[in-house]
Structures are given as C-alpha cells and as structure tokens.
C-alpha cells in the first residue's frame, strides 16, 4: 500500500468527518440551536444584573450589513469568538455563548485574527468612528494593516464650491451633483465641517436636509471641498458592526478593565515624560484631535455629531474638582473608560505610563493659549485644578427616591433639552451649540450610553459639575445633594430594561422585573444570572437554579 493511497484515503476520510461534525452533528446537539444567552440589564434602581434572555435576530438593515461584511471579505482577518481564557476576556469581554450564534448562517468564527476580534465590537465605538475607520483605518490606528474601503463611499469627481447661503452662513453650491446628497429646499438643516484638507463627510441622513458648512474656528480656509458620502451599504455595515455582541446587553457597564476609579494620580513634570506623551499622542490621538490638539484631525469631519475635544481651549467635560480644570486622575479616568456613544474609545489596554504621559503632553504642550507667541499661557500652570469635590455616601434607592427624582427633573427643566422621556428631543434641543460654535446634541438618556460613566456616582458627578463647554449646567448650587442623588437615580431609570441598541423595552415579565429590582438579589456574573420564572430561587448557584440554567444552556 503506497503512501499516496494512504494520503488519499485519509483526505477523503477527514473530508467526510468534517461534513459530519460541522454539517450533520449540530442538528443533534441542542446547544447548537439554542437562542438562550445571559445578558446584562439595567434595573429600575440603576443596578446592572445578569439574566437569562433570548438572542434576537438581525434586522433587515443589519442582515444587509452582514452580507456586505461577507462580500468585502472582512471575515478573512477578523474572528468572532471569545475564548474562555483570561487574556481573551480582559481584552474583549464575556466568553462567547452558543445562543449568540443562533442566527449566524454561515457562522463567522474565524481563526486568523490578523485584525482584532469583533465579537464584542457593538457600541464599543460610535458610528462616526466606524465611518472614519472605513475611509482610512490608519487615520485612527496608525499600525493597522487594514486597507481603506473607499468603495463603500460615494465620491463625486471634482471639487465643490462653498458659497454664501444668503443668510450670513455658508452652504454648498447647488448643482446636479450636490442635489444627489442634499435637499436644498428643506427647512431641516444639517451642519457639516470639512477637515483641514478640504474633505467633507456627508452622512446618509443629510439626503433630506439642507447643508450648512460650519467652520466657526477656521477649521478649513479653502473655497472648495471634496465629498465622501455615506452609502446604503456602508450604513448597513455599520449597523451590523454595532449589533455584534449586543445580545449580551449592557455587559460593558460591568467590564472591569474599564472601571477605573481614581482621585488623583500623576507623573512628575519632565521633558522626558512630555516627549513620551507626544509620541503616544501622535500614534493614538492625532487622527481625531489634530496635530495642534485643536480637535480638527483628518478624521474629525466624520464626527459631525460629536466633535473631538479641542485641547487648546483647555475646556474639559469630566472632572471632580471645584475649579474648571480636571486633575490628572480625572483625565486618566476619561482616557481609560473612553466616552461612550462617541468616537472616543476606551484605552484601558494602553500601558498606564503611556496614558499618564499623554496627559502630561496634553496639559503642558496642547492646553496652551499661544495667541501671543511671546507669552504663551499654560492653563494647567497658571490655573491649577482646585480642590476635589467630595461625593458623599450613596443613598439607598427606592420608589420614593425615584419619584422625587422625577420631580427634580421637572423643576430643573431637564426636559427642555432632553425631552420629557429623556430621548434628547426637547424643545430647545435643535438650537443648542457648544462654546466653540458647534452643534451640541443632548444625550438620549434612554440609551444608557452615558458619556461620564454608567454608575449613579458618575451621573451625580455630572449633575454637580455640569459638562464644561456645553449647554449642560452645574446644579451644585441649585439643588442640594439629596436632590441631585434623586435626579441621578431617575436619569439611570430612563434606560432601565431597554435594549441598548434599539432602545426598545425588553420583553421581560413584570414578575421578573420585580425580582431583578430586589436590591438584595445578586446576579453579578453570567454564571449567577437570574433565570426568568425562577420564582423564589435566588441568583446564587444553588442546586435548583443551577439545574434550571443547565437546561437552558442545552436549549431545553
């Protein structure tokens, strides 16, 4: 018997073995057909707990995006599976479960991982980050080996003129080309800002709106721009990316690597650390925040809803200080956690010294007024952060506290910007601008994507300090601590039992909501997840609850 014959028989055998194990055996294995997963949900009192839930199918838009993902070969390099080892879970998130892949045909597990795993990419970045990333990955990730996907954009040939709109503003010249992307007779306006190179991103939502070219700080000084317009395929692909991992709910609110809590931490000021921080900045931050830190990097035009921070103005949103400037600890918390719902990602994987060094560079090189070159004004030297604002003891939540918070919501007129239901659609929302003249969009509080952090202490901090540079004021002097605590709990309750992606109410029975609202019920991890309909069973792994979960995991 020749070696060639043995190899042939073995090859045929392995082929049919693969067909059996991957094509036939799954039909006899219940876990291959289950839709059950463990998902993190926010309760009425702001706690985030794990429960057993059903995975949901892709929407038509997400299914189209998945087809684009397959067509473009994204799965060649990106895997979609979190393995049960420490390095995996601390980098990506919770271990993958069978139910997450119930609607994946064919499955896209992947093995190469030339690019990062995408199992948990949903809502890790804002839509605007993805748009910029598909245009040119190296604007955001200089080390990326991913090719630009500009074929997903509509790029009309030739420059387009910026003209006066007749009302003191600027718009694009109305031509057959621009009429493809805008509705010039519309009363609805959309503000867009070119980057310094004259690239103007046009989102798909602009198709029914009139363009306003907003350049309040001379971000662009030219008279013509080139357009990169979002297409239906690109819109669908981003929707698919945001779906990945979201059957596990608000797990990111419990993701330990991002839960940094510090009062203050710093490095000694030195040119060595500042130089190191500059190197980090140029590798990680320059694409959005720009060479000079003015918030107008090459990717900034894609961020038409949430502009990158302008460090040169020394205005920072997130702090726990009495003065307007944050401590190094405040800045470290923001860099580590990221800013949810925006293009600012979490940088918890970056070494701590890199994060602290880039803070030194921001403070002493970028946050400087250089209007008088002979006497630059270093904000952090001339106006060091004031004393800390102390957060008192966290009150126990209750129905009475939520009711009081609802009253404060009304008396503080939060609804004027955020809307009565907290969806960011208040009567004053449309005209809001930040201190630099850009549109300031009120947060949709029902999404649970809180920029300052997902805990009630984070919301309380925002109520106390406000968000500097935006229309969001401080309520420190307007309302005492007990009122701000009540308001913070009420704000969290607006996203209770909501799908973090669709913002629709979750299909959870009232009895199960009451069980999850029990402050003494512990469901802090997937293996301690609450089982709907378990009645008096606690969330501990007692025999009854454990047996119930075992059956659910098997699809029974």
Protein backbone atom coordinates (compact mmCIF):
# COMPACT_ATOMS: atom_id res chain seq x y z
CA UNK A 1 0.00 0.00 0.00
CA UNK A 2 1.60 3.23 -1.17
CA UNK A 3 1.85 6.42 0.86
CA UNK A 4 -0.09 8.22 -1.87
CA UNK A 5 -3.04 5.85 -1.48
CA UNK A 6 -2.98 6.23 2.32
CA UNK A 7 -2.95 10.01 1.98
CA UNK A 8 -5.88 9.88 -0.46
CA UNK A 9 -7.98 7.69 1.82
CA UNK A 10 -7.10 9.82 4.84
CA UNK A 11 -8.01 13.01 2.96
CA UNK A 12 -11.38 11.63 1.90
CA UNK A 13 -12.00 10.38 5.43
CA UNK A 14 -11.22 13.71 7.02
CA UNK A 15 -13.45 15.44 4.48
CA UNK A 16 -16.47 13.34 5.43
CA UNK A 17 -15.57 13.66 9.10
CA UNK A 18 -15.71 17.45 8.73
CA UNK A 19 -19.06 17.20 6.94
CA UNK A 20 -20.41 15.03 9.77
CA UNK A 21 -19.08 17.10 12.67
CA UNK A 22 -19.85 20.53 11.23
CA UNK A 23 -22.83 19.86 8.97
CA UNK A 24 -24.78 16.95 10.49
CA UNK A 25 -23.86 16.59 14.17
CA UNK A 26 -25.05 20.14 15.11
CA UNK A 27 -28.61 19.14 14.20
CA UNK A 28 -28.49 16.56 17.00
CA UNK A 29 -26.83 18.88 19.55
CA UNK A 30 -29.39 21.11 21.35
CA UNK A 31 -26.82 23.78 22.25
CA UNK A 32 -26.26 24.40 18.55
CA UNK A 33 -29.88 25.52 18.17
CA UNK A 34 -30.47 27.42 21.39
CA UNK A 35 -31.22 31.12 21.37
CA UNK A 36 -30.57 31.43 25.11
CA UNK A 37 -27.84 33.77 26.32
CA UNK A 38 -27.00 35.56 29.54
CA UNK A 39 -27.47 39.32 29.18
CA UNK A 40 -26.76 42.26 31.46
CA UNK A 41 -29.75 44.53 32.04
CA UNK A 42 -30.19 47.75 33.98
CA UNK A 43 -32.83 47.58 36.69
CA UNK A 44 -35.20 50.34 37.77
CA UNK A 45 -32.79 51.32 40.55
CA UNK A 46 -29.72 51.65 38.33
CA UNK A 47 -28.11 48.31 39.14
CA UNK A 48 -26.84 46.15 36.27
CA UNK A 49 -27.61 42.45 36.68
CA UNK A 50 -27.24 39.35 34.56
CA UNK A 51 -30.27 37.32 33.48
CA UNK A 52 -31.04 34.53 31.03
CA UNK A 53 -32.58 36.02 27.89
CA UNK A 54 -33.29 35.25 24.24
CA UNK A 55 -30.94 36.38 21.49
CA UNK A 56 -32.60 38.41 18.76
CA UNK A 57 -32.30 38.02 15.01
CA UNK A 58 -30.73 40.61 12.75
CA UNK A 59 -32.93 43.38 11.41
CA UNK A 60 -33.19 43.73 7.62
CA UNK A 61 -30.65 46.56 7.77
CA UNK A 62 -28.23 44.51 9.89
CA UNK A 63 -28.70 41.49 7.61
CA UNK A 64 -27.77 43.65 4.64
CA UNK A 65 -24.70 44.82 6.55
CA UNK A 66 -23.75 41.22 7.28
CA UNK A 67 -23.96 40.45 3.56
CA UNK A 68 -21.66 43.41 2.87
CA UNK A 69 -19.29 42.13 5.58
CA UNK A 70 -19.16 38.75 3.81
CA UNK A 71 -18.87 40.30 0.36
CA UNK A 72 -15.96 42.53 1.34
CA UNK A 73 -14.08 39.64 2.95
CA UNK A 74 -13.93 41.20 6.44
CA UNK A 75 -14.15 37.73 7.95
CA UNK A 76 -10.84 36.75 6.37
CA UNK A 77 -8.99 38.72 9.03
CA UNK A 78 -11.47 39.27 11.86
CA UNK A 79 -12.65 36.47 14.14
CA UNK A 80 -15.88 36.49 16.12
CA UNK A 81 -15.35 34.29 19.14
CA UNK A 82 -14.17 35.00 22.70
CA UNK A 83 -12.34 32.01 24.14
CA UNK A 84 -12.53 31.21 27.87
CA UNK A 85 -9.05 32.36 28.85
CA UNK A 86 -8.06 35.37 30.92
CA UNK A 87 -6.30 37.30 28.17
CA UNK A 88 -9.37 36.99 25.95
CA UNK A 89 -11.95 38.06 28.49
CA UNK A 90 -9.99 41.06 29.74
CA UNK A 91 -9.42 42.27 26.20
CA UNK A 92 -12.73 41.56 24.50
CA UNK A 93 -15.36 40.84 27.17
CA UNK A 94 -17.51 37.88 28.30
CA UNK A 95 -16.88 34.40 26.87
CA UNK A 96 -18.99 33.57 23.80
CA UNK A 97 -22.18 31.57 24.31
CA UNK A 98 -23.96 29.25 21.87
CA UNK A 99 -27.10 31.37 21.69
CA UNK A 100 -25.17 34.32 20.30
CA UNK A 101 -24.72 32.47 17.02
CA UNK A 102 -28.29 31.22 16.63
CA UNK A 103 -28.89 33.46 13.63
CA UNK A 104 -25.43 33.21 12.05
CA UNK A 105 -25.63 31.14 8.87
CA UNK A 106 -22.90 30.61 7.92
CA UNK A 107 -21.02 31.19 11.15
CA UNK A 108 -18.12 33.64 11.05
CA UNK A 109 -15.98 32.45 13.95
CA UNK A 110 -12.73 32.94 12.05
CA UNK A 111 -9.30 31.88 13.25
CA UNK A 112 -6.67 34.18 11.73
CA UNK A 113 -7.11 37.30 13.88
CA UNK A 114 -4.92 39.46 11.70
CA UNK A 115 -7.31 42.17 12.84
CA UNK A 116 -8.95 42.42 16.27
CA UNK A 117 -11.77 40.09 17.27
CA UNK A 118 -15.17 41.67 16.60
CA UNK A 119 -17.40 39.60 18.87
CA UNK A 120 -17.85 42.47 21.30
CA UNK A 121 -17.38 45.46 19.00
CA UNK A 122 -21.04 46.53 19.25
CA UNK A 123 -21.26 50.04 20.78
CA UNK A 124 -17.57 49.92 21.65
CA UNK A 125 -17.16 52.81 19.22
CA UNK A 126 -19.67 55.36 18.00
CA UNK A 127 -20.97 55.17 14.42
CA UNK A 128 -18.74 58.09 13.46
CA UNK A 129 -15.60 56.18 14.44
CA UNK A 130 -16.57 53.32 12.14
CA UNK A 131 -17.24 55.71 9.25
CA UNK A 132 -13.80 57.28 9.57
CA UNK A 133 -12.21 53.85 10.02
CA UNK A 134 -13.67 52.50 6.77
CA UNK A 135 -12.46 55.59 4.91
CA UNK A 136 -8.89 55.27 6.17
CA UNK A 137 -8.09 52.91 9.08
CA UNK A 138 -4.68 54.47 9.62
CA UNK A 139 -6.20 57.84 10.48
CA UNK A 140 -7.32 56.20 13.72
CA UNK A 141 -4.98 53.22 14.08
CA UNK A 142 -1.58 54.03 12.52
CA UNK A 143 -0.38 50.43 12.89
CA UNK A 144 -3.40 48.98 11.10
CA UNK A 145 -2.82 46.68 8.13
CA UNK A 146 -6.44 47.03 7.05
CA UNK A 147 -6.99 48.51 3.59
CA UNK A 148 -9.26 51.56 3.14
CA UNK A 149 -12.76 50.66 1.96
CA UNK A 150 -13.47 53.79 -0.04
CA UNK A 151 -15.56 51.80 -2.47
CA UNK A 152 -18.24 51.89 0.23
CA UNK A 153 -18.42 55.70 -0.12
CA UNK A 154 -19.93 57.82 -2.87
CA UNK A 155 -17.17 60.15 -4.11
CA UNK A 156 -18.24 62.58 -6.82
CA UNK A 157 -15.39 63.75 -9.03
CA UNK A 158 -14.07 67.28 -8.84
CA UNK A 159 -14.20 69.99 -6.17
CA UNK A 160 -17.47 71.51 -4.95
CA UNK A 161 -17.72 75.20 -4.11
CA UNK A 162 -18.64 76.68 -0.75
CA UNK A 163 -20.98 79.67 -1.26
CA UNK A 164 -22.86 82.22 0.82
CA UNK A 165 -26.33 80.97 1.74
CA UNK A 166 -27.87 84.45 1.67
CA UNK A 167 -28.47 84.50 5.42
CA UNK A 168 -24.97 85.12 6.70
CA UNK A 169 -23.93 81.49 6.64
CA UNK A 170 -22.27 79.15 4.18
CA UNK A 171 -23.54 76.21 2.19
CA UNK A 172 -22.54 74.19 -0.87
CA UNK A 173 -23.27 75.42 -4.37
CA UNK A 174 -26.45 73.87 -5.69
CA UNK A 175 -25.55 71.71 -8.66
CA UNK A 176 -26.80 68.40 -10.10
CA UNK A 177 -24.02 66.72 -8.11
CA UNK A 178 -24.87 68.27 -4.72
CA UNK A 179 -28.60 67.71 -5.30
CA UNK A 180 -27.84 63.98 -5.12
CA UNK A 181 -26.82 64.38 -1.49
CA UNK A 182 -28.98 67.20 -0.13
CA UNK A 183 -32.42 68.74 -0.32
CA UNK A 184 -31.71 72.43 -0.65
CA UNK A 185 -35.36 73.50 -0.23
CA UNK A 186 -35.70 71.72 3.12
CA UNK A 187 -36.26 73.64 6.35
CA UNK A 188 -34.25 71.00 8.22
CA UNK A 189 -30.56 71.87 8.37
CA UNK A 190 -27.50 69.71 8.90
CA UNK A 191 -24.18 71.23 9.93
CA UNK A 192 -21.04 69.73 8.39
CA UNK A 193 -17.40 70.73 8.83
CA UNK A 194 -14.60 69.94 6.37
CA UNK A 195 -11.26 68.85 7.74
CA UNK A 196 -8.13 70.90 7.14
CA UNK A 197 -7.54 69.07 3.83
CA UNK A 198 -10.96 70.01 2.47
CA UNK A 199 -12.58 66.58 2.86
CA UNK A 200 -16.27 66.83 3.75
CA UNK A 201 -18.13 63.78 5.03
CA UNK A 202 -21.85 63.63 4.14
CA UNK A 203 -23.95 61.23 6.26
CA UNK A 204 -26.92 59.43 4.80
CA UNK A 205 -29.31 61.44 6.99
CA UNK A 206 -28.31 64.59 5.05
CA UNK A 207 -30.29 63.42 2.00
CA UNK A 208 -33.44 65.16 3.25
CA UNK A 209 -31.72 68.24 4.71
CA UNK A 210 -30.09 71.47 3.62
CA UNK A 211 -26.33 71.64 4.21
CA UNK A 212 -24.75 74.27 6.43
CA UNK A 213 -20.96 74.45 6.15
CA UNK A 214 -19.97 75.24 9.73
CA UNK A 215 -16.40 76.48 10.20
CA UNK A 216 -16.56 78.55 13.40
CA UNK A 217 -12.83 78.41 14.19
CA UNK A 218 -11.40 78.41 10.66
CA UNK A 219 -11.06 74.65 10.67
CA UNK A 220 -10.87 74.96 6.87
CA UNK A 221 -9.91 78.09 4.94
CA UNK A 222 -10.40 76.96 1.34
CA UNK A 223 -13.28 77.69 -1.04
CA UNK A 224 -13.88 74.18 -2.40
CA UNK A 225 -14.27 70.75 -0.83
CA UNK A 226 -14.33 67.12 -1.91
CA UNK A 227 -17.11 64.86 -0.70
CA UNK A 228 -17.09 61.42 0.89
CA UNK A 229 -20.75 60.42 1.19
CA UNK A 230 -22.19 57.54 3.17
CA UNK A 231 -23.93 54.88 1.05
CA UNK A 232 -26.71 52.46 1.93
CA UNK A 233 -24.21 49.59 2.02
CA UNK A 234 -21.91 51.48 4.39
CA UNK A 235 -24.85 52.48 6.58
CA UNK A 236 -25.92 48.83 6.79
CA UNK A 237 -22.39 47.60 7.51
CA UNK A 238 -22.05 49.97 10.47
CA UNK A 239 -25.44 48.79 11.76
CA UNK A 240 -24.18 45.20 11.59
CA UNK A 241 -20.98 46.10 13.44
CA UNK A 242 -22.99 47.71 16.22
CA UNK A 243 -25.13 44.59 16.59
CA UNK A 244 -22.18 42.28 17.28
CA UNK A 245 -22.15 41.21 20.92
CA UNK A 246 -25.23 43.20 21.86
CA UNK A 247 -27.31 40.12 22.58
CA UNK A 248 -25.37 40.21 25.86
CA UNK A 249 -26.93 43.55 26.78
CA UNK A 250 -25.15 46.16 28.91
CA UNK A 251 -22.19 43.94 29.76
CA UNK A 252 -19.78 46.81 29.09
CA UNK A 253 -21.14 48.63 32.16
CA UNK A 254 -19.69 45.77 34.23
CA UNK A 255 -16.44 45.37 32.27
CA UNK A 256 -13.80 45.52 35.00
CA UNK A 257 -10.83 46.76 32.87
CA UNK A 258 -12.74 49.98 32.12
CA UNK A 259 -13.93 50.59 35.69
CA UNK A 260 -11.14 52.88 36.77
CA UNK A 261 -11.82 54.85 39.96
CA UNK A 262 -9.09 57.27 41.00
CA UNK A 263 -8.98 60.54 42.91
CA UNK A 264 -5.62 61.65 41.62
CA UNK A 265 -2.52 60.11 40.14
CA UNK A 266 0.27 61.77 38.23
CA UNK A 267 3.78 61.68 36.85
CA UNK A 268 6.35 64.33 37.72
CA UNK A 269 6.54 67.01 35.06
CA UNK A 270 9.60 66.43 32.92
CA UNK A 271 10.57 66.83 29.30
CA UNK A 272 11.18 63.09 29.07
CA UNK A 273 7.60 62.26 30.03
CA UNK A 274 6.21 65.05 27.85
CA UNK A 275 8.21 63.77 24.88
CA UNK A 276 6.99 60.24 25.54
CA UNK A 277 3.45 61.60 25.75
CA UNK A 278 3.92 63.32 22.40
CA UNK A 279 4.91 60.00 20.82
CA UNK A 280 1.82 58.34 22.29
CA UNK A 281 -0.39 61.21 21.10
CA UNK A 282 0.95 61.05 17.56
CA UNK A 283 0.30 57.30 17.41
CA UNK A 284 -3.09 57.21 19.10
CA UNK A 285 -4.79 60.62 19.16
CA UNK A 286 -3.71 62.80 16.27
CA UNK A 287 -6.23 61.39 13.78
CA UNK A 288 -9.16 62.92 15.64
CA UNK A 289 -7.67 65.68 17.79
CA UNK A 290 -5.23 67.03 15.20
CA UNK A 291 -1.55 67.94 15.20
CA UNK A 292 -2.04 71.01 17.39
CA UNK A 293 -4.77 69.47 19.53
CA UNK A 294 -7.47 71.74 18.08
CA UNK A 295 -9.92 68.88 17.54
CA UNK A 296 -9.64 69.05 13.77
CA UNK A 297 -7.68 65.96 12.80
CA UNK A 298 -8.24 64.33 9.41
CA UNK A 299 -10.98 62.10 10.86
CA UNK A 300 -12.86 64.98 12.51
CA UNK A 301 -15.12 65.66 9.51
CA UNK A 302 -16.71 62.23 10.04
CA UNK A 303 -17.63 63.25 13.59
CA UNK A 304 -20.41 65.61 12.66
CA UNK A 305 -22.46 64.96 15.81
CA UNK A 306 -19.75 64.79 18.48
CA UNK A 307 -16.64 66.78 17.61
CA UNK A 308 -13.29 65.68 19.08
CA UNK A 309 -12.09 67.67 22.10
CA UNK A 310 -10.21 70.91 21.35
CA UNK A 311 -7.38 70.73 23.88
CA UNK A 312 -6.11 74.21 23.03
CA UNK A 313 -9.19 75.73 24.69
CA UNK A 314 -8.43 73.83 27.95
CA UNK A 315 -12.13 73.04 28.39
CA UNK A 316 -12.81 69.52 29.69
CA UNK A 317 -16.19 67.95 30.37
CA UNK A 318 -15.41 65.38 33.03
CA UNK A 319 -13.90 66.33 36.36
CA UNK A 320 -14.42 66.16 40.10
CA UNK A 321 -12.82 69.46 41.05
CA UNK A 322 -14.15 72.76 42.29
CA UNK A 323 -12.34 74.64 39.54
CA UNK A 324 -12.84 74.24 35.78
CA UNK A 325 -9.68 72.21 35.15
CA UNK A 326 -9.52 68.46 35.84
CA UNK A 327 -6.86 66.60 37.79
CA UNK A 328 -4.62 64.01 36.17
CA UNK A 329 -6.85 61.42 37.80
CA UNK A 330 -9.90 62.88 36.06
CA UNK A 331 -8.14 62.79 32.70
CA UNK A 332 -6.87 59.28 33.32
CA UNK A 333 -10.40 58.11 34.08
CA UNK A 334 -11.68 59.58 30.81
CA UNK A 335 -8.87 58.11 28.71
CA UNK A 336 -9.23 54.69 30.33
CA UNK A 337 -13.02 54.49 30.07
CA UNK A 338 -13.45 56.38 26.82
CA UNK A 339 -16.55 58.47 26.17
CA UNK A 340 -19.47 56.18 25.45
CA UNK A 341 -21.60 56.94 22.41
CA UNK A 342 -18.84 58.94 20.72
CA UNK A 343 -15.75 58.23 18.63
CA UNK A 344 -13.55 58.35 21.75
CA UNK A 345 -12.75 54.70 22.58
CA UNK A 346 -11.61 53.21 25.87
CA UNK A 347 -7.84 52.99 26.11
CA UNK A 348 -7.63 50.55 29.03
CA UNK A 349 -5.25 48.32 27.03
CA UNK A 350 -2.70 51.13 26.75
CA UNK A 351 0.05 50.85 29.41
CA UNK A 352 -0.63 53.10 32.40
CA UNK A 353 2.58 55.06 31.87
CA UNK A 354 1.56 55.81 28.28
CA UNK A 355 -1.79 57.14 29.47
CA UNK A 356 -0.17 59.28 32.16
CA UNK A 357 2.50 60.54 29.76
CA UNK A 358 -0.02 61.66 27.13
CA UNK A 359 -1.80 63.57 29.89
CA UNK A 360 1.41 65.48 30.53
CA UNK A 361 1.68 66.31 26.83
CA UNK A 362 -1.93 67.48 26.68
CA UNK A 363 -1.53 69.63 29.79
CA UNK A 364 1.77 71.33 29.07
CA UNK A 365 2.01 71.39 25.27
CA UNK A 366 -1.53 71.40 23.87
CA UNK A 367 -3.63 73.15 26.54
CA UNK A 368 -1.74 76.38 25.96
CA UNK A 369 -3.01 79.72 24.67
CA UNK A 370 -0.48 80.73 22.00
CA UNK A 371 -2.33 83.79 20.69
CA UNK A 372 0.64 85.82 21.93
CA UNK A 373 3.69 83.80 20.79
CA UNK A 374 5.96 85.80 23.06
CA UNK A 375 3.96 84.91 26.17
CA UNK A 376 2.17 81.55 25.84
CA UNK A 377 -0.34 80.95 28.62
CA UNK A 378 -0.18 77.46 30.17
CA UNK A 379 -3.60 76.87 31.68
CA UNK A 380 -2.53 73.99 33.91
CA UNK A 381 0.42 76.00 35.25
CA UNK A 382 -1.36 79.31 35.75
CA UNK A 383 -4.69 77.84 36.89
CA UNK A 384 -4.00 74.51 38.60
CA UNK A 385 -7.06 72.37 39.39
CA UNK A 386 -8.85 73.36 42.57
CA UNK A 387 -9.72 71.15 45.49
CA UNK A 388 -11.72 67.99 44.93
CA UNK A 389 -15.49 67.84 45.16
CA UNK A 390 -16.33 65.12 47.62
CA UNK A 391 -19.12 62.70 46.78
CA UNK A 392 -20.98 61.74 49.92
CA UNK A 393 -22.44 58.40 50.88
CA UNK A 394 -24.54 56.74 48.20
CA UNK A 395 -28.21 56.72 49.31
CA UNK A 396 -30.26 53.54 49.11
CA UNK A 397 -32.56 53.68 46.07
CA UNK A 398 -36.30 53.36 46.48
CA UNK A 399 -39.55 54.14 44.68
CA UNK A 400 -39.82 57.29 46.78
CA UNK A 401 -36.34 58.40 45.67
CA UNK A 402 -37.22 57.84 42.00
CA UNK A 403 -40.45 59.78 42.44
CA UNK A 404 -38.50 62.64 43.99
CA UNK A 405 -36.01 62.49 41.13
CA UNK A 406 -38.87 62.82 38.64
CA UNK A 407 -39.97 65.97 40.42
CA UNK A 408 -36.44 67.41 40.27
CA UNK A 409 -36.34 66.54 36.54
CA UNK A 410 -39.35 68.80 36.08
CA UNK A 411 -38.24 71.64 38.35
CA UNK A 412 -34.70 71.67 36.89
CA UNK A 413 -36.28 71.76 33.41
CA UNK A 414 -34.13 68.88 32.17
CA UNK A 415 -36.94 68.12 29.73
CA UNK A 416 -36.32 71.34 27.80
CA UNK A 417 -33.23 69.75 26.22
CA UNK A 418 -33.58 66.03 26.88
CA UNK A 419 -37.34 65.77 26.33
CA UNK A 420 -39.98 64.53 28.72
CA UNK A 421 -38.97 60.91 28.16
CA UNK A 422 -35.23 61.64 28.09
CA UNK A 423 -34.77 60.90 24.37
CA UNK A 424 -32.78 64.05 23.64
CA UNK A 425 -35.65 65.63 21.70
CA UNK A 426 -36.62 68.54 23.96
CA UNK A 427 -37.99 71.80 22.60
CA UNK A 428 -34.58 73.52 22.90
CA UNK A 429 -32.52 70.61 21.54
CA UNK A 430 -32.34 71.72 17.92
CA UNK A 431 -30.61 75.05 18.53
CA UNK A 432 -28.02 74.08 21.12
CA UNK A 433 -24.36 74.87 20.47
CA UNK A 434 -21.19 74.41 22.47
CA UNK A 435 -18.77 77.17 23.41
CA UNK A 436 -16.84 76.75 20.16
CA UNK A 437 -19.91 77.19 17.99
CA UNK A 438 -20.54 73.57 17.03
CA UNK A 439 -23.89 71.83 17.34
CA UNK A 440 -24.34 70.28 20.78
CA UNK A 441 -26.66 67.28 20.74
CA UNK A 442 -28.44 66.50 24.05
CA UNK A 443 -27.88 62.93 25.17
CA UNK A 444 -30.56 60.32 24.60
CA UNK A 445 -30.68 59.13 28.19
CA UNK A 446 -32.79 56.09 27.32
CA UNK A 447 -29.79 54.54 25.54
CA UNK A 448 -27.76 54.03 28.72
CA UNK A 449 -24.71 55.34 26.83
CA UNK A 450 -23.67 57.83 29.49
CA UNK A 451 -20.57 59.77 28.49
CA UNK A 452 -19.33 60.34 32.03
CA UNK A 453 -19.85 56.72 33.13
CA UNK A 454 -22.65 54.22 33.83
CA UNK A 455 -22.76 54.34 37.65
CA UNK A 456 -25.06 56.54 39.70
CA UNK A 457 -21.96 58.25 41.15
CA UNK A 458 -20.94 59.22 37.61
CA UNK A 459 -24.35 60.77 36.91
CA UNK A 460 -24.24 62.57 40.27
CA UNK A 461 -20.82 63.96 39.36
CA UNK A 462 -22.21 65.31 36.10
CA UNK A 463 -25.14 66.94 37.93
CA UNK A 464 -22.64 68.53 40.29
CA UNK A 465 -20.08 69.90 37.84
CA UNK A 466 -22.06 70.15 34.62
CA UNK A 467 -20.29 69.49 31.32
CA UNK A 468 -17.93 72.39 30.72
CA UNK A 469 -18.10 73.91 27.26
CA UNK A 470 -21.64 72.60 26.62
CA UNK A 471 -25.12 73.86 27.50
CA UNK A 472 -25.28 71.29 30.33
CA UNK A 473 -25.05 73.39 33.52
CA UNK A 474 -23.89 72.58 37.03
CA UNK A 475 -26.66 72.00 39.59
CA UNK A 476 -24.28 72.11 42.54
CA UNK A 477 -25.66 75.37 43.89
CA UNK A 478 -29.18 74.99 42.54
CA UNK A 479 -30.05 71.71 44.27
CA UNK A 480 -28.74 70.07 47.46
CA UNK A 481 -27.01 66.70 47.42
CA UNK A 482 -30.16 64.71 48.18
CA UNK A 483 -31.94 66.23 45.17
CA UNK A 484 -29.01 65.51 42.86
CA UNK A 485 -28.82 61.92 44.06
CA UNK A 486 -32.53 61.50 43.38
CA UNK A 487 -32.14 63.04 39.93
CA UNK A 488 -29.15 60.78 39.17
CA UNK A 489 -31.16 57.67 40.03
CA UNK A 490 -34.07 58.90 37.93
CA UNK A 491 -31.81 59.52 34.94
CA UNK A 492 -30.48 55.96 35.21
CA UNK A 493 -34.03 54.61 35.42
CA UNK A 494 -34.80 56.08 31.98
CA UNK A 495 -32.65 53.32 30.44
CA UNK A 496 -33.94 50.55 32.70
CA UNK A 497 -34.97 47.36 30.90
CA UNK A 498 -34.19 48.90 27.50
CA UNK A 499 -32.34 47.25 24.65
CA UNK A 500 -29.07 49.24 24.43
CA UNK A 501 -29.10 49.11 20.62
CA UNK A 502 -32.74 49.55 19.60
CA UNK A 503 -33.70 51.48 22.79
CA UNK A 504 -36.94 49.47 22.82
CA UNK A 505 -38.30 47.94 26.08
CA UNK A 506 -37.04 44.43 26.75
CA UNK A 507 -39.58 41.62 26.77
CA UNK A 508 -39.39 40.89 30.49
CA UNK A 509 -42.39 39.87 32.58
CA UNK A 510 -43.42 42.19 35.40
CA UNK A 511 -42.74 39.49 37.99
CA UNK A 512 -39.18 39.11 36.71
CA UNK A 513 -38.68 42.87 36.79
CA UNK A 514 -39.76 42.93 40.41
CA UNK A 515 -37.36 40.07 41.17
CA UNK A 516 -34.46 41.87 39.48
CA UNK A 517 -35.33 45.13 41.24
CA UNK A 518 -34.78 43.38 44.57
CA UNK A 519 -31.71 45.17 45.92
CA UNK A 520 -30.59 42.04 47.77
CA UNK A 521 -30.63 39.83 44.70
CA UNK A 522 -27.11 39.18 43.45
CA UNK A 523 -26.64 38.45 39.76
CA UNK A 524 -23.20 39.88 39.21
CA UNK A 525 -21.83 37.48 36.59
CA UNK A 526 -23.11 35.21 33.80
CA UNK A 527 -22.79 32.09 35.97
CA UNK A 528 -25.02 33.75 38.57
CA UNK A 529 -27.59 35.02 36.07
CA UNK A 530 -31.20 35.31 37.15
CA UNK A 531 -33.49 32.77 35.46
CA UNK A 532 -36.87 34.24 34.43
CA UNK A 533 -39.75 32.49 36.10
CA UNK A 534 -37.49 31.06 38.78
CA UNK A 535 -39.84 32.38 41.42
CA UNK A 536 -38.26 32.40 44.84
CA UNK A 537 -34.98 30.96 43.60
CA UNK A 538 -32.09 33.23 44.44
CA UNK A 539 -29.37 34.14 41.96
CA UNK A 540 -26.86 32.01 43.83
CA UNK A 541 -25.78 28.77 42.22
CA UNK A 542 -27.94 26.57 44.41
CA UNK A 543 -28.98 23.21 43.06
CA UNK A 544 -32.39 24.28 41.73
CA UNK A 545 -31.18 27.38 39.93
CA UNK A 546 -28.12 25.53 38.67
CA UNK A 547 -30.28 22.77 37.18
CA UNK A 548 -32.51 25.37 35.52
CA UNK A 549 -29.54 27.09 33.92
CA UNK A 550 -28.10 23.79 32.75
CA UNK A 551 -31.34 23.01 30.92
CA UNK A 552 -31.46 26.47 29.38
CA UNK A 553 -27.83 26.19 28.21
CA UNK A 554 -28.76 22.93 26.46
CA UNK A 555 -31.69 24.56 24.70
CA UNK A 556 -34.33 22.52 26.56
